[in-house]
Amino acid sequence: VKLYSLKNAPPTWVQLDTASVVEFGNMDGYALSTMIIEFLVNTYGYDKLLKLIMAPENIDAIYGVTRRDLEKQWIQYLKVMRIN
């Protein structure tokens, strides 16, 4: 994932959501998914992640920001992780 973020921007969450199994694998979706979970837990805690698992359609209400803004926060998280 670090190498991916050094080369170019990761796929969007919409791209990850809509990719076929093969496409998902080809875009490093499995590794990126673990980074999304890491970001959500480190930034917002396990309780909110559990709420998201139970009701993914409520992502905006659970995290208090739009899905798009949450994705932007994740991109920033990846940039910080790349530096460290």
PDB file of N, CA and C in Angstrom:
ATOM      1  N   VAL A   1       0.831  -1.191   0.000  1.00  0.00           N
ATOM      2  CA  VAL A   1       0.000   0.000   0.000  1.00  0.00           C
ATOM      3  C   VAL A   1       0.870   1.248   0.000  1.00  0.00           C
ATOM      4  N   LYS A   2       1.969   1.215   0.766  1.00  0.00           N
ATOM      5  CA  LYS A   2       2.863   2.376   0.765  1.00  0.00           C
ATOM      6  C   LYS A   2       3.393   2.651  -0.632  1.00  0.00           C
ATOM      7  N   LEU A   3       3.812   1.601  -1.332  1.00  0.00           N
ATOM      8  CA  LEU A   3       4.322   1.799  -2.688  1.00  0.00           C
ATOM      9  C   LEU A   3       3.245   2.346  -3.600  1.00  0.00           C
ATOM     10  N   TYR A   4       2.023   1.858  -3.449  1.00  0.00           N
ATOM     11  CA  TYR A   4       0.909   2.333  -4.262  1.00  0.00           C
ATOM     12  C   TYR A   4       0.698   3.827  -4.040  1.00  0.00           C
ATOM     13  N   SER A   5       0.711   4.257  -2.785  1.00  0.00           N
ATOM     14  CA  SER A   5       0.454   5.661  -2.491  1.00  0.00           C
ATOM     15  C   SER A   5       1.599   6.557  -2.948  1.00  0.00           C
ATOM     16  N   LEU A   6       2.784   5.998  -3.109  1.00  0.00           N
ATOM     17  CA  LEU A   6       3.890   6.796  -3.623  1.00  0.00           C
ATOM     18  C   LEU A   6       3.749   7.039  -5.126  1.00  0.00           C
ATOM     19  N   LYS A   7       3.187   6.081  -5.843  1.00  0.00           N
ATOM     20  CA  LYS A   7       3.075   6.176  -7.299  1.00  0.00           C
ATOM     21  C   LYS A   7       1.906   7.046  -7.742  1.00  0.00           C
ATOM     22  N   ASN A   8       0.730   6.798  -7.180  1.00  0.00           N
ATOM     23  CA  ASN A   8      -0.469   7.511  -7.614  1.00  0.00           C
ATOM     24  C   ASN A   8      -1.557   7.388  -6.548  1.00  0.00           C
ATOM     25  N   ALA A   9      -2.649   8.025  -6.808  1.00  0.00           N
ATOM     26  CA  ALA A   9      -3.759   7.983  -5.856  1.00  0.00           C
ATOM     27  C   ALA A   9      -4.390   6.592  -5.860  1.00  0.00           C
ATOM     28  N   PRO A  10      -4.847   6.132  -4.699  1.00  0.00           N
ATOM     29  CA  PRO A  10      -5.528   4.842  -4.655  1.00  0.00           C
ATOM     30  C   PRO A  10      -6.889   4.945  -5.340  1.00  0.00           C
ATOM     31  N   PRO A  11      -7.496   3.816  -5.677  1.00  0.00           N
ATOM     32  CA  PRO A  11      -8.843   3.865  -6.245  1.00  0.00           C
ATOM     33  C   PRO A  11      -9.814   4.489  -5.245  1.00  0.00           C
ATOM     34  N   THR A  12     -10.868   5.063  -5.772  1.00  0.00           N
ATOM     35  CA  THR A  12     -11.880   5.651  -4.897  1.00  0.00           C
ATOM     36  C   THR A  12     -12.653   4.544  -4.195  1.00  0.00           C
ATOM     37  N   TRP A  13     -13.366   4.910  -3.143  1.00  0.00           N
ATOM     38  CA  TRP A  13     -14.182   3.925  -2.435  1.00  0.00           C
ATOM     39  C   TRP A  13     -15.283   3.403  -3.344  1.00  0.00           C
ATOM     40  N   VAL A  14     -15.796   4.237  -4.233  1.00  0.00           N
ATOM     41  CA  VAL A  14     -16.820   3.786  -5.188  1.00  0.00           C
ATOM     42  C   VAL A  14     -16.220   2.732  -6.119  1.00  0.00           C
ATOM     43  N   GLN A  15     -15.003   2.964  -6.584  1.00  0.00           N
ATOM     44  CA  GLN A  15     -14.346   1.983  -7.442  1.00  0.00           C
ATOM     45  C   GLN A  15     -14.146   0.663  -6.694  1.00  0.00           C
ATOM     46  N   LEU A  16     -13.734   0.740  -5.440  1.00  0.00           N
ATOM     47  CA  LEU A  16     -13.556  -0.474  -4.643  1.00  0.00           C
ATOM     48  C   LEU A  16     -14.892  -1.192  -4.444  1.00  0.00           C
ATOM     49  N   ASP A  17     -15.961  -0.412  -4.196  1.00  0.00           N
ATOM     50  CA  ASP A  17     -17.292  -0.989  -3.966  1.00  0.00           C
ATOM     51  C   ASP A  17     -17.852  -1.697  -5.191  1.00  0.00           C
ATOM     52  N   THR A  18     -17.547  -1.180  -6.361  1.00  0.00           N
ATOM     53  CA  THR A  18     -18.194  -1.673  -7.571  1.00  0.00           C
ATOM     54  C   THR A  18     -17.318  -2.617  -8.406  1.00  0.00           C
ATOM     55  N   ALA A  19     -16.092  -2.840  -7.989  1.00  0.00           N
ATOM     56  CA  ALA A  19     -15.174  -3.687  -8.753  1.00  0.00           C
ATOM     57  C   ALA A  19     -15.581  -5.154  -8.664  1.00  0.00           C
ATOM     58  N   SER A  20     -15.308  -5.870  -9.734  1.00  0.00           N
ATOM     59  CA  SER A  20     -15.478  -7.328  -9.701  1.00  0.00           C
ATOM     60  C   SER A  20     -14.376  -7.899  -8.804  1.00  0.00           C
ATOM     61  N   VAL A  21     -14.461  -9.164  -8.489  1.00  0.00           N
ATOM     62  CA  VAL A  21     -13.464  -9.799  -7.631  1.00  0.00           C
ATOM     63  C   VAL A  21     -12.068  -9.668  -8.236  1.00  0.00           C
ATOM     64  N   VAL A  22     -11.961  -9.892  -9.520  1.00  0.00           N
ATOM     65  CA  VAL A  22     -10.661  -9.799 -10.195  1.00  0.00           C
ATOM     66  C   VAL A  22     -10.163  -8.357 -10.198  1.00  0.00           C
ATOM     67  N   GLU A  23     -11.037  -7.415 -10.555  1.00  0.00           N
ATOM     68  CA  GLU A  23     -10.652  -6.001 -10.555  1.00  0.00           C
ATOM     69  C   GLU A  23     -10.215  -5.564  -9.167  1.00  0.00           C
ATOM     70  N   PHE A  24     -10.966  -5.986  -8.157  1.00  0.00           N
ATOM     71  CA  PHE A  24     -10.661  -5.639  -6.770  1.00  0.00           C
ATOM     72  C   PHE A  24      -9.253  -6.107  -6.402  1.00  0.00           C
ATOM     73  N   GLY A  25      -8.938  -7.330  -6.759  1.00  0.00           N
ATOM     74  CA  GLY A  25      -7.600  -7.860  -6.492  1.00  0.00           C
ATOM     75  C   GLY A  25      -6.526  -7.122  -7.265  1.00  0.00           C
ATOM     76  N   ASN A  26      -6.794  -6.825  -8.520  1.00  0.00           N
ATOM     77  CA  ASN A  26      -5.821  -6.125  -9.359  1.00  0.00           C
ATOM     78  C   ASN A  26      -5.532  -4.704  -8.886  1.00  0.00           C
ATOM     79  N   MET A  27      -6.499  -4.075  -8.227  1.00  0.00           N
ATOM     80  CA  MET A  27      -6.273  -2.708  -7.740  1.00  0.00           C
ATOM     81  C   MET A  27      -5.805  -2.692  -6.286  1.00  0.00           C
ATOM     82  N   ASP A  28      -5.326  -3.827  -5.798  1.00  0.00           N
ATOM     83  CA  ASP A  28      -4.852  -3.957  -4.410  1.00  0.00           C
ATOM     84  C   ASP A  28      -5.958  -3.674  -3.404  1.00  0.00           C
ATOM     85  N   GLY A  29      -7.180  -4.028  -3.770  1.00  0.00           N
ATOM     86  CA  GLY A  29      -8.330  -3.761  -2.922  1.00  0.00           C
ATOM     87  C   GLY A  29      -8.248  -4.399  -1.548  1.00  0.00           C
ATOM     88  N   TYR A  30      -7.646  -5.591  -1.472  1.00  0.00           N
ATOM     89  CA  TYR A  30      -7.574  -6.276  -0.176  1.00  0.00           C
ATOM     90  C   TYR A  30      -6.653  -5.521   0.782  1.00  0.00           C
ATOM     91  N   ALA A  31      -5.492  -5.118   0.299  1.00  0.00           N
ATOM     92  CA  ALA A  31      -4.563  -4.352   1.138  1.00  0.00           C
ATOM     93  C   ALA A  31      -5.149  -2.982   1.479  1.00  0.00           C
ATOM     94  N   LEU A  32      -5.772  -2.337   0.497  1.00  0.00           N
ATOM     95  CA  LEU A  32      -6.366  -1.022   0.742  1.00  0.00           C
ATOM     96  C   LEU A  32      -7.514  -1.118   1.746  1.00  0.00           C
ATOM     97  N   SER A  33      -8.278  -2.182   1.683  1.00  0.00           N
ATOM     98  CA  SER A  33      -9.379  -2.368   2.634  1.00  0.00           C
ATOM     99  C   SER A  33      -8.869  -2.453   4.065  1.00  0.00           C
ATOM    100  N   THR A  34      -7.749  -3.140   4.244  1.00  0.00           N
ATOM    101  CA  THR A  34      -7.194  -3.209   5.605  1.00  0.00           C
ATOM    102  C   THR A  34      -6.742  -1.832   6.079  1.00  0.00           C
ATOM    103  N   MET A  35      -6.252  -1.018   5.147  1.00  0.00           N
ATOM    104  CA  MET A  35      -5.849   0.338   5.512  1.00  0.00           C
ATOM    105  C   MET A  35      -7.065   1.211   5.838  1.00  0.00           C
ATOM    106  N   ILE A  36      -8.161   0.987   5.157  1.00  0.00           N
ATOM    107  CA  ILE A  36      -9.383   1.740   5.468  1.00  0.00           C
ATOM    108  C   ILE A  36      -9.849   1.385   6.872  1.00  0.00           C
ATOM    109  N   ILE A  37      -9.843   0.104   7.208  1.00  0.00           N
ATOM    110  CA  ILE A  37     -10.250  -0.328   8.550  1.00  0.00           C
ATOM    111  C   ILE A  37      -9.297   0.240   9.590  1.00  0.00           C
ATOM    112  N   GLU A  38      -8.003   0.172   9.322  1.00  0.00           N
ATOM    113  CA  GLU A  38      -7.022   0.736  10.255  1.00  0.00           C
ATOM    114  C   GLU A  38      -7.291   2.215  10.491  1.00  0.00           C
ATOM    115  N   PHE A  39      -7.527   2.958   9.411  1.00  0.00           N
ATOM    116  CA  PHE A  39      -7.831   4.385   9.520  1.00  0.00           C
ATOM    117  C   PHE A  39      -9.078   4.621  10.369  1.00  0.00           C
ATOM    118  N   LEU A  40     -10.146   3.890  10.087  1.00  0.00           N
ATOM    119  CA  LEU A  40     -11.398   4.088  10.825  1.00  0.00           C
ATOM    120  C   LEU A  40     -11.217   3.791  12.311  1.00  0.00           C
ATOM    121  N   VAL A  41     -10.513   2.724  12.629  1.00  0.00           N
ATOM    122  CA  VAL A  41     -10.308   2.359  14.041  1.00  0.00           C
ATOM    123  C   VAL A  41      -9.388   3.362  14.725  1.00  0.00           C
ATOM    124  N   ASN A  42      -8.277   3.706  14.094  1.00  0.00           N
ATOM    125  CA  ASN A  42      -7.330   4.632  14.714  1.00  0.00           C
ATOM    126  C   ASN A  42      -7.898   6.039  14.866  1.00  0.00           C
ATOM    127  N   THR A  43      -8.757   6.433  13.953  1.00  0.00           N
ATOM    128  CA  THR A  43      -9.304   7.786  13.967  1.00  0.00           C
ATOM    129  C   THR A  43     -10.594   7.887  14.785  1.00  0.00           C
ATOM    130  N   TYR A  44     -11.457   6.886  14.673  1.00  0.00           N
ATOM    131  CA  TYR A  44     -12.790   6.974  15.272  1.00  0.00           C
ATOM    132  C   TYR A  44     -13.094   5.911  16.321  1.00  0.00           C
ATOM    133  N   GLY A  45     -12.276   4.875  16.412  1.00  0.00           N
ATOM    134  CA  GLY A  45     -12.482   3.842  17.422  1.00  0.00           C
ATOM    135  C   GLY A  45     -13.283   2.649  16.933  1.00  0.00           C
ATOM    136  N   TYR A  46     -13.190   1.571  17.722  1.00  0.00           N
ATOM    137  CA  TYR A  46     -13.869   0.308  17.375  1.00  0.00           C
ATOM    138  C   TYR A  46     -15.391   0.406  17.434  1.00  0.00           C
ATOM    139  N   ASP A  47     -15.910   1.174  18.381  1.00  0.00           N
ATOM    140  CA  ASP A  47     -17.373   1.248  18.528  1.00  0.00           C
ATOM    141  C   ASP A  47     -18.045   1.724  17.249  1.00  0.00           C
ATOM    142  N   LYS A  48     -17.466   2.738  16.627  1.00  0.00           N
ATOM    143  CA  LYS A  48     -18.071   3.240  15.390  1.00  0.00           C
ATOM    144  C   LYS A  48     -17.914   2.236  14.255  1.00  0.00           C
ATOM    145  N   LEU A  49     -16.794   1.522  14.224  1.00  0.00           N
ATOM    146  CA  LEU A  49     -16.624   0.493  13.208  1.00  0.00           C
ATOM    147  C   LEU A  49     -17.683  -0.589  13.358  1.00  0.00           C
ATOM    148  N   LEU A  50     -17.951  -1.000  14.587  1.00  0.00           N
ATOM    149  CA  LEU A  50     -18.991  -2.009  14.827  1.00  0.00           C
ATOM    150  C   LEU A  50     -20.359  -1.506  14.369  1.00  0.00           C
ATOM    151  N   LYS A  51     -20.645  -0.233  14.632  1.00  0.00           N
ATOM    152  CA  LYS A  51     -21.909   0.347  14.158  1.00  0.00           C
ATOM    153  C   LYS A  51     -21.967   0.339  12.634  1.00  0.00           C
ATOM    154  N   LEU A  52     -20.839   0.635  11.996  1.00  0.00           N
ATOM    155  CA  LEU A  52     -20.792   0.627  10.532  1.00  0.00           C
ATOM    156  C   LEU A  52     -21.041  -0.772   9.981  1.00  0.00           C
ATOM    157  N   ILE A  53     -20.462  -1.777  10.609  1.00  0.00           N
ATOM    158  CA  ILE A  53     -20.669  -3.155  10.163  1.00  0.00           C
ATOM    159  C   ILE A  53     -22.146  -3.529  10.264  1.00  0.00           C
ATOM    160  N   MET A  54     -22.792  -3.067  11.314  1.00  0.00           N
ATOM    161  CA  MET A  54     -24.208  -3.390  11.525  1.00  0.00           C
ATOM    162  C   MET A  54     -25.143  -2.603  10.609  1.00  0.00           C
ATOM    163  N   ALA A  55     -24.728  -1.394  10.225  1.00  0.00           N
ATOM    164  CA  ALA A  55     -25.601  -0.542   9.405  1.00  0.00           C
ATOM    165  C   ALA A  55     -24.752   0.311   8.447  1.00  0.00           C
ATOM    166  N   PRO A  56     -24.163  -0.295   7.424  1.00  0.00           N
ATOM    167  CA  PRO A  56     -23.277   0.454   6.519  1.00  0.00           C
ATOM    168  C   PRO A  56     -23.972   1.601   5.784  1.00  0.00           C
ATOM    169  N   GLU A  57     -25.275   1.509   5.647  1.00  0.00           N
ATOM    170  CA  GLU A  57     -26.001   2.596   4.972  1.00  0.00           C
ATOM    171  C   GLU A  57     -26.027   3.874   5.802  1.00  0.00           C
ATOM    172  N   ASN A  58     -25.653   3.799   7.075  1.00  0.00           N
ATOM    173  CA  ASN A  58     -25.659   4.960   7.975  1.00  0.00           C
ATOM    174  C   ASN A  58     -24.270   5.557   8.178  1.00  0.00           C
ATOM    175  N   ILE A  59     -23.385   5.360   7.224  1.00  0.00           N
ATOM    176  CA  ILE A  59     -21.995   5.801   7.381  1.00  0.00           C
ATOM    177  C   ILE A  59     -21.896   7.287   7.730  1.00  0.00           C
ATOM    178  N   ASP A  60     -22.704   8.126   7.080  1.00  0.00           N
ATOM    179  CA  ASP A  60     -22.650   9.569   7.349  1.00  0.00           C
ATOM    180  C   ASP A  60     -23.025   9.879   8.793  1.00  0.00           C
ATOM    181  N   ALA A  61     -24.074   9.272   9.283  1.00  0.00           N
ATOM    182  CA  ALA A  61     -24.532   9.511  10.654  1.00  0.00           C
ATOM    183  C   ALA A  61     -23.555   8.932  11.679  1.00  0.00           C
ATOM    184  N   ILE A  62     -22.993   7.788  11.387  1.00  0.00           N
ATOM    185  CA  ILE A  62     -22.082   7.139  12.336  1.00  0.00           C
ATOM    186  C   ILE A  62     -20.814   7.958  12.525  1.00  0.00           C
ATOM    187  N   TYR A  63     -20.247   8.436  11.441  1.00  0.00           N
ATOM    188  CA  TYR A  63     -18.982   9.165  11.520  1.00  0.00           C
ATOM    189  C   TYR A  63     -19.133  10.679  11.566  1.00  0.00           C
ATOM    190  N   GLY A  64     -20.335  11.171  11.364  1.00  0.00           N
ATOM    191  CA  GLY A  64     -20.579  12.610  11.488  1.00  0.00           C
ATOM    192  C   GLY A  64     -20.034  13.439  10.333  1.00  0.00           C
ATOM    193  N   VAL A  65     -19.648  12.779   9.252  1.00  0.00           N
ATOM    194  CA  VAL A  65     -19.192  13.460   8.036  1.00  0.00           C
ATOM    195  C   VAL A  65     -19.720  12.667   6.847  1.00  0.00           C
ATOM    196  N   THR A  66     -19.704  13.281   5.680  1.00  0.00           N
ATOM    197  CA  THR A  66     -20.148  12.565   4.493  1.00  0.00           C
ATOM    198  C   THR A  66     -19.147  11.472   4.138  1.00  0.00           C
ATOM    199  N   ARG A  67     -19.608  10.511   3.404  1.00  0.00           N
ATOM    200  CA  ARG A  67     -18.724   9.427   2.952  1.00  0.00           C
ATOM    201  C   ARG A  67     -17.555   9.999   2.165  1.00  0.00           C
ATOM    202  N   ARG A  68     -17.824  10.985   1.326  1.00  0.00           N
ATOM    203  CA  ARG A  68     -16.768  11.620   0.517  1.00  0.00           C
ATOM    204  C   ARG A  68     -15.731  12.284   1.412  1.00  0.00           C
ATOM    205  N   ASP A  69     -16.178  12.994   2.462  1.00  0.00           N
ATOM    206  CA  ASP A  69     -15.231  13.635   3.375  1.00  0.00           C
ATOM    207  C   ASP A  69     -14.435  12.604   4.168  1.00  0.00           C
ATOM    208  N   LEU A  70     -15.075  11.503   4.515  1.00  0.00           N
ATOM    209  CA  LEU A  70     -14.389  10.416   5.207  1.00  0.00           C
ATOM    210  C   LEU A  70     -13.302   9.825   4.302  1.00  0.00           C
ATOM    211  N   GLU A  71     -13.615   9.684   3.035  1.00  0.00           N
ATOM    212  CA  GLU A  71     -12.622   9.188   2.080  1.00  0.00           C
ATOM    213  C   GLU A  71     -11.451  10.163   1.963  1.00  0.00           C
ATOM    214  N   LYS A  72     -11.728  11.454   1.951  1.00  0.00           N
ATOM    215  CA  LYS A  72     -10.661  12.461   1.899  1.00  0.00           C
ATOM    216  C   LYS A  72      -9.770  12.359   3.132  1.00  0.00           C
ATOM    217  N   GLN A  73     -10.387  12.133   4.291  1.00  0.00           N
ATOM    218  CA  GLN A  73      -9.606  11.947   5.512  1.00  0.00           C
ATOM    219  C   GLN A  73      -8.701  10.722   5.391  1.00  0.00           C
ATOM    220  N   TRP A  74      -9.209   9.658   4.785  1.00  0.00           N
ATOM    221  CA  TRP A  74      -8.425   8.443   4.593  1.00  0.00           C
ATOM    222  C   TRP A  74      -7.230   8.700   3.672  1.00  0.00           C
ATOM    223  N   ILE A  75      -7.451   9.463   2.602  1.00  0.00           N
ATOM    224  CA  ILE A  75      -6.360   9.805   1.680  1.00  0.00           C
ATOM    225  C   ILE A  75      -5.284  10.570   2.443  1.00  0.00           C
ATOM    226  N   GLN A  76      -5.702  11.496   3.286  1.00  0.00           N
ATOM    227  CA  GLN A  76      -4.738  12.249   4.095  1.00  0.00           C
ATOM    228  C   GLN A  76      -4.003  11.310   5.049  1.00  0.00           C
ATOM    229  N   TYR A  77      -4.718  10.370   5.626  1.00  0.00           N
ATOM    230  CA  TYR A  77      -4.127   9.358   6.520  1.00  0.00           C
ATOM    231  C   TYR A  77      -3.050   8.572   5.772  1.00  0.00           C
ATOM    232  N   LEU A  78      -3.326   8.175   4.532  1.00  0.00           N
ATOM    233  CA  LEU A  78      -2.343   7.445   3.739  1.00  0.00           C
ATOM    234  C   LEU A  78      -1.107   8.288   3.502  1.00  0.00           C
ATOM    235  N   LYS A  79      -1.288   9.581   3.237  1.00  0.00           N
ATOM    236  CA  LYS A  79      -0.152  10.475   3.015  1.00  0.00           C
ATOM    237  C   LYS A  79       0.712  10.570   4.258  1.00  0.00           C
ATOM    238  N   VAL A  80       0.073  10.678   5.414  1.00  0.00           N
ATOM    239  CA  VAL A  80       0.823  10.744   6.677  1.00  0.00           C
ATOM    240  C   VAL A  80       1.558   9.437   6.916  1.00  0.00           C
ATOM    241  N   MET A  81       0.901   8.315   6.645  1.00  0.00           N
ATOM    242  CA  MET A  81       1.527   6.997   6.823  1.00  0.00           C
ATOM    243  C   MET A  81       2.729   6.858   5.886  1.00  0.00           C
ATOM    244  N   ARG A  82       2.642   7.416   4.715  1.00  0.00           N
ATOM    245  CA  ARG A  82       3.732   7.346   3.741  1.00  0.00           C
ATOM    246  C   ARG A  82       4.959   8.094   4.262  1.00  0.00           C
ATOM    247  N   ILE A  83       4.738   9.207   4.935  1.00  0.00           N
ATOM    248  CA  ILE A  83       5.826  10.024   5.452  1.00  0.00           C
ATOM    249  C   ILE A  83       6.530   9.314   6.616  1.00  0.00           C
ATOM    250  N   ASN A  84       5.747   8.645   7.451  1.00  0.00           N
ATOM    251  CA  ASN A  84       6.313   8.011   8.653  1.00  0.00           C
ATOM    252  C   ASN A  84       6.923   6.705   8.377  1.00  0.00           C
TER     253      ASN A  84
END
